Amino acid sequence: MQGDSFIPGDSEIVRQVLDGDVDAFAILLARHKELIVSIVIKHTPARYVEEIAHDVFVRAYQALPTFKGKSTFKQWLVGIAVKTCYDFWRKKYRTRDFPMSSLSEKQQERVELIVAAESDRLCAENDSRKAAVELLDWALAKLSAEDRMVLEMVYLEGLSVKEAAGLLGWSVAKVKVRSFRSRRKLRTLLTGLIDVERRDL
């Protein structure tokens, strides 16, 4: 019982770091690293996860003076993680290109299924889950960073509009509008892909 009373909370550790005990930040890193990795791995390619997770903590350390305790440190850190993933797509994948000819006939069939059904349900029920995921990744890579993050959070992860707004630092109204428009863009993109491939047959 005596030992428990000496375990500092996140806010206390933040104060220690800001007071000059820089090494105390390692406690926050160890305490929250698993959570941050779990978030980053949902939104970015596996080969970049370690690099992006590291970037999250660098940003958090640099932004510590702005932490006012209005939310928990954990919530504040999750927000930084989401925004870091968003920046990754904005910087790295805005001009990403995949040739239409790289899609096999089976992949084209998966596109039609994705357009006709919810992508997450399709991935769970279909034997060709990998093919469906690849197609969805292809389509998401064609969207802006904003559209991609909203689609992933609201439609693929099942977060509420309010939860997504809090993590992205947007208004609820903006998330509602963006989620509607981004889903429509995704369907248009996938439907257009089908039409192009059919014309080439």
N, C-alpha and C. Protein backbone atom coordinates (compact mmCIF):
# COMPACT_ATOMS: atom_id res chain seq x y z
N MET A 1 0.83 -1.20 0.00
CA MET A 1 0.00 0.00 0.00
C MET A 1 0.87 1.26 0.00
N GLN A 2 1.93 1.22 0.78
CA GLN A 2 2.84 2.36 0.81
C GLN A 2 3.51 2.57 -0.54
N GLY A 3 3.83 1.43 -1.23
CA GLY A 3 4.48 1.54 -2.53
C GLY A 3 3.59 2.20 -3.55
N ASP A 4 2.28 1.89 -3.53
CA ASP A 4 1.36 2.45 -4.50
C ASP A 4 1.30 3.96 -4.41
N SER A 5 1.42 4.50 -3.22
CA SER A 5 1.29 5.94 -3.03
C SER A 5 2.45 6.71 -3.66
N PHE A 6 3.53 6.02 -3.98
CA PHE A 6 4.69 6.69 -4.56
C PHE A 6 4.76 6.53 -6.07
N ILE A 7 3.74 5.94 -6.67
CA ILE A 7 3.71 5.82 -8.13
C ILE A 7 3.13 7.10 -8.70
N PRO A 8 3.93 7.91 -9.37
CA PRO A 8 3.43 9.20 -9.87
C PRO A 8 2.48 9.02 -11.05
N GLY A 9 1.46 9.86 -11.12
CA GLY A 9 0.55 9.85 -12.26
C GLY A 9 1.18 10.57 -13.43
N ASP A 10 0.54 10.49 -14.58
CA ASP A 10 1.08 11.11 -15.79
C ASP A 10 1.28 12.61 -15.63
N SER A 11 0.29 13.27 -15.04
CA SER A 11 0.38 14.73 -14.88
C SER A 11 1.57 15.13 -14.01
N GLU A 12 1.81 14.34 -12.98
CA GLU A 12 2.95 14.62 -12.10
C GLU A 12 4.27 14.45 -12.84
N ILE A 13 4.34 13.40 -13.67
CA ILE A 13 5.56 13.18 -14.44
C ILE A 13 5.77 14.31 -15.44
N VAL A 14 4.70 14.78 -16.05
CA VAL A 14 4.80 15.91 -16.97
C VAL A 14 5.39 17.11 -16.24
N ARG A 15 4.91 17.36 -15.04
CA ARG A 15 5.45 18.48 -14.24
C ARG A 15 6.93 18.29 -13.96
N GLN A 16 7.34 17.05 -13.66
CA GLN A 16 8.75 16.77 -13.39
C GLN A 16 9.61 17.08 -14.61
N VAL A 17 9.12 16.66 -15.79
CA VAL A 17 9.86 16.92 -17.03
C VAL A 17 9.98 18.41 -17.28
N LEU A 18 8.88 19.13 -17.12
CA LEU A 18 8.89 20.57 -17.36
C LEU A 18 9.75 21.31 -16.34
N ASP A 19 9.92 20.69 -15.17
CA ASP A 19 10.77 21.30 -14.13
C ASP A 19 12.25 20.97 -14.33
N GLY A 20 12.56 20.23 -15.38
CA GLY A 20 13.96 19.96 -15.70
C GLY A 20 14.41 18.52 -15.62
N ASP A 21 13.54 17.62 -15.11
CA ASP A 21 13.91 16.20 -15.02
C ASP A 21 13.56 15.51 -16.34
N VAL A 22 14.37 15.75 -17.35
CA VAL A 22 14.11 15.25 -18.70
C VAL A 22 14.00 13.74 -18.74
N ASP A 23 14.79 13.05 -17.92
CA ASP A 23 14.78 11.58 -17.93
C ASP A 23 13.43 11.00 -17.51
N ALA A 24 12.63 11.77 -16.80
CA ALA A 24 11.33 11.28 -16.36
C ALA A 24 10.40 11.00 -17.54
N PHE A 25 10.69 11.60 -18.68
CA PHE A 25 9.84 11.37 -19.86
C PHE A 25 9.88 9.91 -20.29
N ALA A 26 10.97 9.22 -19.97
CA ALA A 26 11.09 7.80 -20.32
C ALA A 26 9.99 6.97 -19.66
N ILE A 27 9.52 7.43 -18.50
CA ILE A 27 8.43 6.72 -17.81
C ILE A 27 7.15 6.81 -18.62
N LEU A 28 6.88 7.99 -19.17
CA LEU A 28 5.69 8.18 -20.00
C LEU A 28 5.79 7.34 -21.27
N LEU A 29 6.98 7.30 -21.84
CA LEU A 29 7.19 6.51 -23.05
C LEU A 29 6.91 5.04 -22.79
N ALA A 30 7.49 4.52 -21.72
CA ALA A 30 7.30 3.10 -21.40
C ALA A 30 5.84 2.79 -21.07
N ARG A 31 5.18 3.73 -20.41
CA ARG A 31 3.81 3.53 -19.96
C ARG A 31 2.82 3.51 -21.13
N HIS A 32 3.11 4.28 -22.18
CA HIS A 32 2.11 4.45 -23.25
C HIS A 32 2.56 3.96 -24.62
N LYS A 33 3.76 3.39 -24.69
CA LYS A 33 4.28 2.98 -26.00
C LYS A 33 3.38 1.94 -26.67
N GLU A 34 2.92 0.96 -25.92
CA GLU A 34 2.09 -0.10 -26.50
C GLU A 34 0.79 0.48 -27.08
N LEU A 35 0.18 1.42 -26.39
CA LEU A 35 -1.04 2.05 -26.87
C LEU A 35 -0.79 2.80 -28.17
N ILE A 36 0.28 3.58 -28.20
CA ILE A 36 0.58 4.38 -29.39
C ILE A 36 0.88 3.49 -30.58
N VAL A 37 1.62 2.43 -30.38
CA VAL A 37 1.92 1.49 -31.47
C VAL A 37 0.63 0.87 -32.00
N SER A 38 -0.29 0.53 -31.10
CA SER A 38 -1.56 -0.07 -31.52
C SER A 38 -2.38 0.89 -32.37
N ILE A 39 -2.28 2.18 -32.12
CA ILE A 39 -2.98 3.18 -32.92
C ILE A 39 -2.31 3.36 -34.27
N VAL A 40 -1.00 3.52 -34.25
CA VAL A 40 -0.24 3.76 -35.48
C VAL A 40 -0.37 2.59 -36.45
N ILE A 41 -0.36 1.38 -35.91
CA ILE A 41 -0.39 0.20 -36.79
C ILE A 41 -1.74 0.06 -37.50
N LYS A 42 -2.78 0.70 -36.96
CA LYS A 42 -4.10 0.68 -37.61
C LYS A 42 -4.16 1.60 -38.81
N HIS A 43 -3.32 2.64 -38.80
CA HIS A 43 -3.46 3.70 -39.79
C HIS A 43 -2.30 3.82 -40.79
N THR A 44 -1.22 3.11 -40.56
CA THR A 44 -0.06 3.26 -41.45
C THR A 44 0.54 1.90 -41.80
N PRO A 45 1.30 1.82 -42.91
CA PRO A 45 1.95 0.55 -43.28
C PRO A 45 2.89 0.05 -42.19
N ALA A 46 2.95 -1.26 -42.05
CA ALA A 46 3.72 -1.88 -40.96
C ALA A 46 5.18 -1.43 -40.95
N ARG A 47 5.76 -1.23 -42.12
CA ARG A 47 7.19 -0.90 -42.16
C ARG A 47 7.50 0.49 -41.60
N TYR A 48 6.46 1.32 -41.44
CA TYR A 48 6.67 2.67 -40.93
C TYR A 48 6.26 2.83 -39.47
N VAL A 49 5.70 1.79 -38.88
CA VAL A 49 5.11 1.92 -37.55
C VAL A 49 6.12 2.39 -36.51
N GLU A 50 7.28 1.78 -36.46
CA GLU A 50 8.28 2.15 -35.45
C GLU A 50 8.71 3.60 -35.60
N GLU A 51 8.93 4.01 -36.84
CA GLU A 51 9.36 5.38 -37.12
C GLU A 51 8.29 6.40 -36.71
N ILE A 52 7.04 6.09 -37.05
CA ILE A 52 5.95 7.03 -36.75
C ILE A 52 5.67 7.07 -35.25
N ALA A 53 5.70 5.92 -34.59
CA ALA A 53 5.49 5.88 -33.14
C ALA A 53 6.56 6.72 -32.44
N HIS A 54 7.80 6.61 -32.91
CA HIS A 54 8.88 7.43 -32.35
C HIS A 54 8.58 8.91 -32.55
N ASP A 55 8.09 9.25 -33.74
CA ASP A 55 7.76 10.64 -34.05
C ASP A 55 6.66 11.16 -33.14
N VAL A 56 5.71 10.29 -32.78
CA VAL A 56 4.63 10.68 -31.88
C VAL A 56 5.20 11.16 -30.54
N PHE A 57 6.14 10.40 -30.00
CA PHE A 57 6.71 10.77 -28.70
C PHE A 57 7.62 11.99 -28.79
N VAL A 58 8.30 12.15 -29.92
CA VAL A 58 9.10 13.35 -30.11
C VAL A 58 8.19 14.58 -30.11
N ARG A 59 7.09 14.47 -30.84
CA ARG A 59 6.13 15.58 -30.89
C ARG A 59 5.52 15.85 -29.51
N ALA A 60 5.21 14.78 -28.82
CA ALA A 60 4.62 14.93 -27.48
C ALA A 60 5.59 15.63 -26.54
N TYR A 61 6.86 15.22 -26.59
CA TYR A 61 7.87 15.85 -25.73
C TYR A 61 7.99 17.34 -26.04
N GLN A 62 8.03 17.66 -27.34
CA GLN A 62 8.16 19.06 -27.74
C GLN A 62 6.94 19.89 -27.37
N ALA A 63 5.77 19.22 -27.32
CA ALA A 63 4.52 19.94 -27.04
C ALA A 63 4.12 19.91 -25.57
N LEU A 64 4.93 19.29 -24.72
CA LEU A 64 4.57 19.18 -23.30
C LEU A 64 4.16 20.51 -22.65
N PRO A 65 4.82 21.62 -22.99
CA PRO A 65 4.42 22.89 -22.36
C PRO A 65 2.97 23.28 -22.68
N THR A 66 2.41 22.70 -23.74
CA THR A 66 1.03 23.05 -24.13
C THR A 66 0.00 22.15 -23.44
N PHE A 67 0.47 21.12 -22.72
CA PHE A 67 -0.46 20.22 -22.02
C PHE A 67 -0.99 20.93 -20.78
N LYS A 68 -2.29 21.22 -20.78
CA LYS A 68 -2.90 21.99 -19.70
C LYS A 68 -3.72 21.15 -18.73
N GLY A 69 -3.81 19.83 -19.01
CA GLY A 69 -4.55 18.96 -18.11
C GLY A 69 -6.06 19.03 -18.28
N LYS A 70 -6.55 19.63 -19.38
CA LYS A 70 -8.00 19.68 -19.62
C LYS A 70 -8.55 18.30 -19.93
N SER A 71 -7.70 17.46 -20.52
CA SER A 71 -8.01 16.04 -20.72
C SER A 71 -6.90 15.26 -20.05
N THR A 72 -7.02 13.94 -20.01
CA THR A 72 -5.93 13.15 -19.44
C THR A 72 -4.74 13.18 -20.39
N PHE A 73 -3.57 12.91 -19.86
CA PHE A 73 -2.38 12.87 -20.71
C PHE A 73 -2.55 11.80 -21.79
N LYS A 74 -3.16 10.68 -21.43
CA LYS A 74 -3.39 9.59 -22.37
C LYS A 74 -4.23 10.07 -23.56
N GLN A 75 -5.31 10.77 -23.28
CA GLN A 75 -6.17 11.29 -24.36
C GLN A 75 -5.41 12.30 -25.21
N TRP A 76 -4.65 13.13 -24.57
CA TRP A 76 -3.85 14.14 -25.28
C TRP A 76 -2.83 13.46 -26.19
N LEU A 77 -2.19 12.41 -25.70
CA LEU A 77 -1.19 11.69 -26.47
C LEU A 77 -1.82 10.95 -27.65
N VAL A 78 -3.00 10.37 -27.45
CA VAL A 78 -3.71 9.69 -28.54
C VAL A 78 -4.03 10.69 -29.65
N GLY A 79 -4.42 11.89 -29.28
CA GLY A 79 -4.70 12.92 -30.28
C GLY A 79 -3.47 13.24 -31.11
N ILE A 80 -2.31 13.30 -30.48
CA ILE A 80 -1.06 13.55 -31.20
C ILE A 80 -0.76 12.38 -32.14
N ALA A 81 -1.02 11.15 -31.67
CA ALA A 81 -0.77 9.97 -32.50
C ALA A 81 -1.62 9.99 -33.76
N VAL A 82 -2.90 10.31 -33.61
CA VAL A 82 -3.80 10.37 -34.77
C VAL A 82 -3.36 11.44 -35.75
N LYS A 83 -2.99 12.61 -35.23
CA LYS A 83 -2.56 13.70 -36.10
C LYS A 83 -1.24 13.37 -36.80
N THR A 84 -0.38 12.61 -36.13
CA THR A 84 0.89 12.20 -36.74
C THR A 84 0.62 11.23 -37.90
N CYS A 85 -0.32 10.33 -37.72
CA CYS A 85 -0.70 9.41 -38.80
C CYS A 85 -1.29 10.19 -39.97
N TYR A 86 -2.11 11.16 -39.66
CA TYR A 86 -2.71 12.02 -40.68
C TYR A 86 -1.61 12.73 -41.48
N ASP A 87 -0.62 13.28 -40.78
CA ASP A 87 0.48 13.96 -41.45
C ASP A 87 1.28 13.01 -42.33
N PHE A 88 1.41 11.76 -41.88
CA PHE A 88 2.12 10.76 -42.68
C PHE A 88 1.48 10.62 -44.05
N TRP A 89 0.15 10.42 -44.06
CA TRP A 89 -0.54 10.25 -45.34
C TRP A 89 -0.51 11.53 -46.16
N ARG A 90 -0.64 12.66 -45.51
CA ARG A 90 -0.64 13.93 -46.23
C ARG A 90 0.69 14.16 -46.95
N LYS A 91 1.79 13.81 -46.29
CA LYS A 91 3.12 14.06 -46.86
C LYS A 91 3.58 12.96 -47.80
N LYS A 92 3.28 11.71 -47.46
CA LYS A 92 3.88 10.59 -48.19
C LYS A 92 3.03 10.03 -49.32
N TYR A 93 1.69 10.10 -49.18
CA TYR A 93 0.86 9.31 -50.07
C TYR A 93 -0.13 10.10 -50.91
N ARG A 94 -0.03 11.40 -50.92
CA ARG A 94 -0.99 12.19 -51.70
C ARG A 94 -0.88 11.87 -53.19
N THR A 95 0.34 11.61 -53.68
CA THR A 95 0.53 11.36 -55.11
C THR A 95 0.80 9.89 -55.40
N ARG A 96 0.47 9.04 -54.45
CA ARG A 96 0.70 7.61 -54.65
C ARG A 96 -0.11 7.11 -55.84
N ASP A 97 0.48 6.27 -56.69
CA ASP A 97 -0.18 5.83 -57.91
C ASP A 97 -0.09 4.33 -58.08
N PHE A 98 -1.19 3.72 -58.45
CA PHE A 98 -1.23 2.29 -58.73
C PHE A 98 -1.86 2.09 -60.10
N PRO A 99 -1.18 1.42 -61.05
CA PRO A 99 -1.76 1.23 -62.38
C PRO A 99 -2.99 0.35 -62.38
N MET A 100 -3.98 0.70 -63.20
CA MET A 100 -5.20 -0.10 -63.31
C MET A 100 -4.88 -1.53 -63.74
N SER A 101 -3.87 -1.66 -64.59
CA SER A 101 -3.55 -2.98 -65.14
C SER A 101 -3.03 -3.95 -64.08
N SER A 102 -2.68 -3.42 -62.90
CA SER A 102 -2.15 -4.30 -61.85
C SER A 102 -3.24 -5.09 -61.14
N LEU A 103 -4.49 -4.78 -61.43
CA LEU A 103 -5.60 -5.49 -60.80
C LEU A 103 -5.98 -6.73 -61.60
N SER A 104 -6.05 -7.85 -60.90
CA SER A 104 -6.45 -9.10 -61.55
C SER A 104 -7.97 -9.16 -61.69
N GLU A 105 -8.44 -10.16 -62.41
CA GLU A 105 -9.88 -10.32 -62.58
C GLU A 105 -10.57 -10.54 -61.23
N LYS A 106 -9.94 -11.33 -60.36
CA LYS A 106 -10.51 -11.58 -59.04
C LYS A 106 -10.57 -10.31 -58.22
N GLN A 107 -9.54 -9.47 -58.34
CA GLN A 107 -9.53 -8.21 -57.62
C GLN A 107 -10.65 -7.29 -58.10
N GLN A 108 -10.92 -7.31 -59.41
CA GLN A 108 -12.01 -6.51 -59.95
C GLN A 108 -13.34 -6.95 -59.37
N GLU A 109 -13.49 -8.26 -59.22
CA GLU A 109 -14.72 -8.78 -58.62
C GLU A 109 -14.85 -8.30 -57.17
N ARG A 110 -13.73 -8.23 -56.47
CA ARG A 110 -13.75 -7.77 -55.10
C ARG A 110 -14.17 -6.30 -55.02
N VAL A 111 -13.75 -5.52 -56.03
CA VAL A 111 -14.14 -4.12 -56.06
C VAL A 111 -15.66 -4.00 -56.13
N GLU A 112 -16.28 -4.80 -56.99
CA GLU A 112 -17.73 -4.76 -57.12
C GLU A 112 -18.40 -5.12 -55.79
N LEU A 113 -17.83 -6.09 -55.08
CA LEU A 113 -18.39 -6.50 -53.79
C LEU A 113 -18.23 -5.41 -52.75
N ILE A 114 -17.08 -4.73 -52.77
CA ILE A 114 -16.85 -3.65 -51.82
C ILE A 114 -17.83 -2.51 -52.04
N VAL A 115 -18.10 -2.19 -53.32
CA VAL A 115 -19.05 -1.14 -53.62
C VAL A 115 -20.45 -1.53 -53.16
N ALA A 116 -20.78 -2.80 -53.29
CA ALA A 116 -22.13 -3.27 -52.97
C ALA A 116 -22.34 -3.52 -51.48
N ALA A 117 -21.26 -3.70 -50.72
CA ALA A 117 -21.41 -4.05 -49.30
C ALA A 117 -20.43 -3.25 -48.46
N GLU A 118 -20.62 -3.27 -47.16
CA GLU A 118 -19.69 -2.60 -46.26
C GLU A 118 -18.35 -3.31 -46.33
N SER A 119 -17.27 -2.55 -46.48
CA SER A 119 -15.96 -3.16 -46.69
C SER A 119 -15.50 -3.99 -45.51
N ASP A 120 -15.79 -3.53 -44.28
CA ASP A 120 -15.31 -4.29 -43.13
C ASP A 120 -16.04 -5.62 -43.00
N ARG A 121 -17.36 -5.64 -43.32
CA ARG A 121 -18.10 -6.90 -43.26
C ARG A 121 -17.61 -7.86 -44.34
N LEU A 122 -17.33 -7.32 -45.52
CA LEU A 122 -16.83 -8.13 -46.62
C LEU A 122 -15.50 -8.79 -46.23
N CYS A 123 -14.60 -7.99 -45.67
CA CYS A 123 -13.30 -8.51 -45.29
C CYS A 123 -13.42 -9.63 -44.26
N ALA A 124 -14.39 -9.51 -43.36
CA ALA A 124 -14.55 -10.51 -42.30
C ALA A 124 -15.16 -11.80 -42.83
N GLU A 125 -16.03 -11.70 -43.83
CA GLU A 125 -16.78 -12.86 -44.29
C GLU A 125 -16.18 -13.55 -45.51
N ASN A 126 -15.38 -12.85 -46.27
CA ASN A 126 -14.91 -13.38 -47.54
C ASN A 126 -13.59 -14.13 -47.38
N ASP A 127 -13.44 -15.23 -48.12
CA ASP A 127 -12.21 -16.01 -48.05
C ASP A 127 -11.03 -15.21 -48.60
N SER A 128 -11.28 -14.30 -49.53
CA SER A 128 -10.20 -13.54 -50.15
C SER A 128 -10.01 -12.21 -49.41
N ARG A 129 -9.89 -12.30 -48.11
CA ARG A 129 -9.77 -11.10 -47.28
C ARG A 129 -8.57 -10.25 -47.71
N LYS A 130 -7.47 -10.90 -48.00
CA LYS A 130 -6.26 -10.15 -48.36
C LYS A 130 -6.48 -9.33 -49.62
N ALA A 131 -7.14 -9.93 -50.61
CA ALA A 131 -7.40 -9.21 -51.86
C ALA A 131 -8.30 -8.01 -51.62
N ALA A 132 -9.31 -8.18 -50.77
CA ALA A 132 -10.23 -7.08 -50.46
C ALA A 132 -9.50 -5.95 -49.75
N VAL A 133 -8.64 -6.31 -48.82
CA VAL A 133 -7.89 -5.30 -48.07
C VAL A 133 -6.95 -4.54 -49.00
N GLU A 134 -6.31 -5.26 -49.93
CA GLU A 134 -5.41 -4.61 -50.88
C GLU A 134 -6.15 -3.59 -51.73
N LEU A 135 -7.35 -3.97 -52.18
CA LEU A 135 -8.14 -3.06 -52.99
C LEU A 135 -8.57 -1.83 -52.20
N LEU A 136 -8.97 -2.07 -50.98
CA LEU A 136 -9.39 -0.95 -50.15
C LEU A 136 -8.21 -0.02 -49.89
N ASP A 137 -7.02 -0.58 -49.66
CA ASP A 137 -5.82 0.24 -49.47
C ASP A 137 -5.53 1.05 -50.73
N TRP A 138 -5.70 0.40 -51.90
CA TRP A 138 -5.48 1.09 -53.17
C TRP A 138 -6.41 2.30 -53.29
N ALA A 139 -7.68 2.08 -52.98
CA ALA A 139 -8.66 3.16 -53.10
C ALA A 139 -8.39 4.26 -52.07
N LEU A 140 -8.08 3.88 -50.83
CA LEU A 140 -7.82 4.87 -49.79
C LEU A 140 -6.61 5.73 -50.14
N ALA A 141 -5.63 5.12 -50.82
CA ALA A 141 -4.41 5.85 -51.19
C ALA A 141 -4.69 6.93 -52.23
N LYS A 142 -5.82 6.81 -52.91
CA LYS A 142 -6.19 7.82 -53.91
C LYS A 142 -6.87 9.03 -53.28
N LEU A 143 -7.29 8.89 -52.05
CA LEU A 143 -8.00 9.97 -51.37
C LEU A 143 -7.02 10.92 -50.66
N SER A 144 -7.52 12.06 -50.25
CA SER A 144 -6.70 12.99 -49.47
C SER A 144 -6.47 12.41 -48.08
N ALA A 145 -5.50 12.96 -47.38
CA ALA A 145 -5.21 12.49 -46.02
C ALA A 145 -6.43 12.67 -45.12
N GLU A 146 -7.14 13.79 -45.29
CA GLU A 146 -8.33 14.05 -44.46
C GLU A 146 -9.40 12.99 -44.70
N ASP A 147 -9.68 12.71 -45.99
CA ASP A 147 -10.71 11.73 -46.32
C ASP A 147 -10.33 10.34 -45.81
N ARG A 148 -9.08 9.98 -45.98
CA ARG A 148 -8.64 8.65 -45.55
C ARG A 148 -8.81 8.47 -44.04
N MET A 149 -8.36 9.44 -43.26
CA MET A 149 -8.43 9.30 -41.81
C MET A 149 -9.88 9.23 -41.32
N VAL A 150 -10.76 10.05 -41.91
CA VAL A 150 -12.16 10.03 -41.50
C VAL A 150 -12.80 8.68 -41.84
N LEU A 151 -12.55 8.18 -43.04
CA LEU A 151 -13.11 6.89 -43.43
C LEU A 151 -12.64 5.77 -42.51
N GLU A 152 -11.35 5.75 -42.23
CA GLU A 152 -10.81 4.70 -41.37
C GLU A 152 -11.40 4.76 -39.97
N MET A 153 -11.50 5.96 -39.43
CA MET A 153 -11.94 6.09 -38.04
C MET A 153 -13.44 5.86 -37.87
N VAL A 154 -14.25 6.43 -38.77
CA VAL A 154 -15.70 6.35 -38.63
C VAL A 154 -16.27 5.05 -39.19
N TYR A 155 -15.81 4.64 -40.39
CA TYR A 155 -16.43 3.49 -41.05
C TYR A 155 -15.70 2.17 -40.81
N LEU A 156 -14.38 2.22 -40.69
CA LEU A 156 -13.63 0.97 -40.53
C LEU A 156 -13.37 0.63 -39.06
N GLU A 157 -13.12 1.65 -38.24
CA GLU A 157 -12.89 1.40 -36.82
C GLU A 157 -14.15 1.53 -35.98
N GLY A 158 -15.18 2.15 -36.55
CA GLY A 158 -16.44 2.26 -35.85
C GLY A 158 -16.49 3.32 -34.76
N LEU A 159 -15.60 4.32 -34.82
CA LEU A 159 -15.65 5.40 -33.85
C LEU A 159 -16.86 6.29 -34.12
N SER A 160 -17.39 6.90 -33.09
CA SER A 160 -18.49 7.83 -33.29
C SER A 160 -17.94 9.12 -33.91
N VAL A 161 -18.83 9.90 -34.49
CA VAL A 161 -18.42 11.18 -35.07
C VAL A 161 -17.78 12.06 -34.01
N LYS A 162 -18.34 12.05 -32.80
CA LYS A 162 -17.80 12.86 -31.70
C LYS A 162 -16.40 12.40 -31.32
N GLU A 163 -16.19 11.08 -31.25
CA GLU A 163 -14.87 10.54 -30.91
C GLU A 163 -13.84 10.91 -31.97
N ALA A 164 -14.21 10.77 -33.24
CA ALA A 164 -13.30 11.12 -34.33
C ALA A 164 -12.97 12.60 -34.30
N ALA A 165 -13.98 13.42 -34.04
CA ALA A 165 -13.76 14.86 -33.97
C ALA A 165 -12.76 15.21 -32.87
N GLY A 166 -12.90 14.56 -31.72
CA GLY A 166 -11.99 14.83 -30.61
C GLY A 166 -10.56 14.46 -30.93
N LEU A 167 -10.37 13.33 -31.60
CA LEU A 167 -9.02 12.87 -31.92
C LEU A 167 -8.37 13.70 -33.02
N LEU A 168 -9.18 14.15 -33.98
CA LEU A 168 -8.64 14.91 -35.10
C LEU A 168 -8.54 16.41 -34.80
N GLY A 169 -9.21 16.83 -33.73
CA GLY A 169 -9.21 18.25 -33.41
C GLY A 169 -10.13 19.04 -34.32
N TRP A 170 -11.15 18.37 -34.86
CA TRP A 170 -12.12 19.02 -35.74
C TRP A 170 -13.44 19.22 -35.01
N SER A 171 -14.34 20.00 -35.62
CA SER A 171 -15.69 20.12 -35.08
C SER A 171 -16.49 18.89 -35.48
N VAL A 172 -17.54 18.60 -34.73
CA VAL A 172 -18.41 17.47 -35.06
C VAL A 172 -19.02 17.67 -36.44
N ALA A 173 -19.42 18.90 -36.74
CA ALA A 173 -20.03 19.20 -38.04
C ALA A 173 -19.06 18.90 -39.18
N LYS A 174 -17.79 19.25 -39.00
CA LYS A 174 -16.81 19.01 -40.05
C LYS A 174 -16.63 17.52 -40.28
N VAL A 175 -16.59 16.73 -39.22
CA VAL A 175 -16.43 15.28 -39.36
C VAL A 175 -17.64 14.68 -40.07
N LYS A 176 -18.84 15.15 -39.74
CA LYS A 176 -20.05 14.64 -40.39
C LYS A 176 -20.01 14.90 -41.89
N VAL A 177 -19.69 16.12 -42.26
CA VAL A 177 -19.65 16.49 -43.68
C VAL A 177 -18.54 15.73 -44.39
N ARG A 178 -17.37 15.70 -43.77
CA ARG A 178 -16.22 15.04 -44.40
C ARG A 178 -16.44 13.54 -44.54
N SER A 179 -17.04 12.90 -43.54
CA SER A 179 -17.25 11.46 -43.60
C SER A 179 -18.24 11.11 -44.70
N PHE A 180 -19.29 11.93 -44.88
CA PHE A 180 -20.27 11.70 -45.94
C PHE A 180 -19.61 11.85 -47.31
N ARG A 181 -18.87 12.94 -47.47
CA ARG A 181 -18.23 13.21 -48.77
C ARG A 181 -17.15 12.19 -49.09
N SER A 182 -16.37 11.80 -48.09
CA SER A 182 -15.28 10.86 -48.35
C SER A 182 -15.80 9.48 -48.72
N ARG A 183 -16.89 9.07 -48.09
CA ARG A 183 -17.47 7.78 -48.45
C ARG A 183 -18.00 7.81 -49.87
N ARG A 184 -18.61 8.93 -50.24
CA ARG A 184 -19.12 9.07 -51.61
C ARG A 184 -17.96 9.06 -52.62
N LYS A 185 -16.85 9.72 -52.27
CA LYS A 185 -15.68 9.72 -53.15
C LYS A 185 -15.13 8.30 -53.33
N LEU A 186 -15.10 7.54 -52.22
CA LEU A 186 -14.58 6.18 -52.29
C LEU A 186 -15.44 5.32 -53.22
N ARG A 187 -16.74 5.41 -53.06
CA ARG A 187 -17.64 4.64 -53.92
C ARG A 187 -17.50 5.05 -55.38
N THR A 188 -17.39 6.36 -55.63
CA THR A 188 -17.21 6.85 -56.99
C THR A 188 -15.92 6.34 -57.59
N LEU A 189 -14.86 6.36 -56.79
CA LEU A 189 -13.56 5.88 -57.24
C LEU A 189 -13.60 4.41 -57.62
N LEU A 190 -14.18 3.60 -56.74
CA LEU A 190 -14.25 2.16 -57.00
C LEU A 190 -15.17 1.84 -58.18
N THR A 191 -16.29 2.54 -58.28
CA THR A 191 -17.20 2.32 -59.39
C THR A 191 -16.55 2.73 -60.70
N GLY A 192 -15.82 3.85 -60.67
CA GLY A 192 -15.10 4.29 -61.87
C GLY A 192 -14.06 3.30 -62.30
N LEU A 193 -13.40 2.67 -61.33
CA LEU A 193 -12.39 1.66 -61.64
C LEU A 193 -13.03 0.48 -62.36
N ILE A 194 -14.19 0.07 -61.90
CA ILE A 194 -14.90 -1.04 -62.54
C ILE A 194 -15.25 -0.68 -63.98
N ASP A 195 -15.76 0.55 -64.18
CA ASP A 195 -16.16 0.98 -65.51
C ASP A 195 -14.99 1.01 -66.47
N VAL A 196 -13.84 1.51 -66.00
CA VAL A 196 -12.64 1.58 -66.84
C VAL A 196 -12.19 0.18 -67.25
N GLU A 197 -12.15 -0.71 -66.28
CA GLU A 197 -11.71 -2.07 -66.56
C GLU A 197 -12.67 -2.78 -67.52
N ARG A 198 -13.97 -2.52 -67.39
CA ARG A 198 -14.94 -3.15 -68.28
C ARG A 198 -14.79 -2.65 -69.71
N ARG A 199 -14.48 -1.37 -69.86
CA ARG A 199 -14.28 -0.82 -71.20
C ARG A 199 -13.06 -1.41 -71.87
N ASP A 200 -12.08 -1.81 -71.05
CA ASP A 200 -10.84 -2.37 -71.59
C ASP A 200 -10.98 -3.83 -71.96
N LEU A 201 -12.04 -4.49 -71.53
CA LEU A 201 -12.21 -5.92 -71.84
C LEU A 201 -12.54 -6.15 -73.30
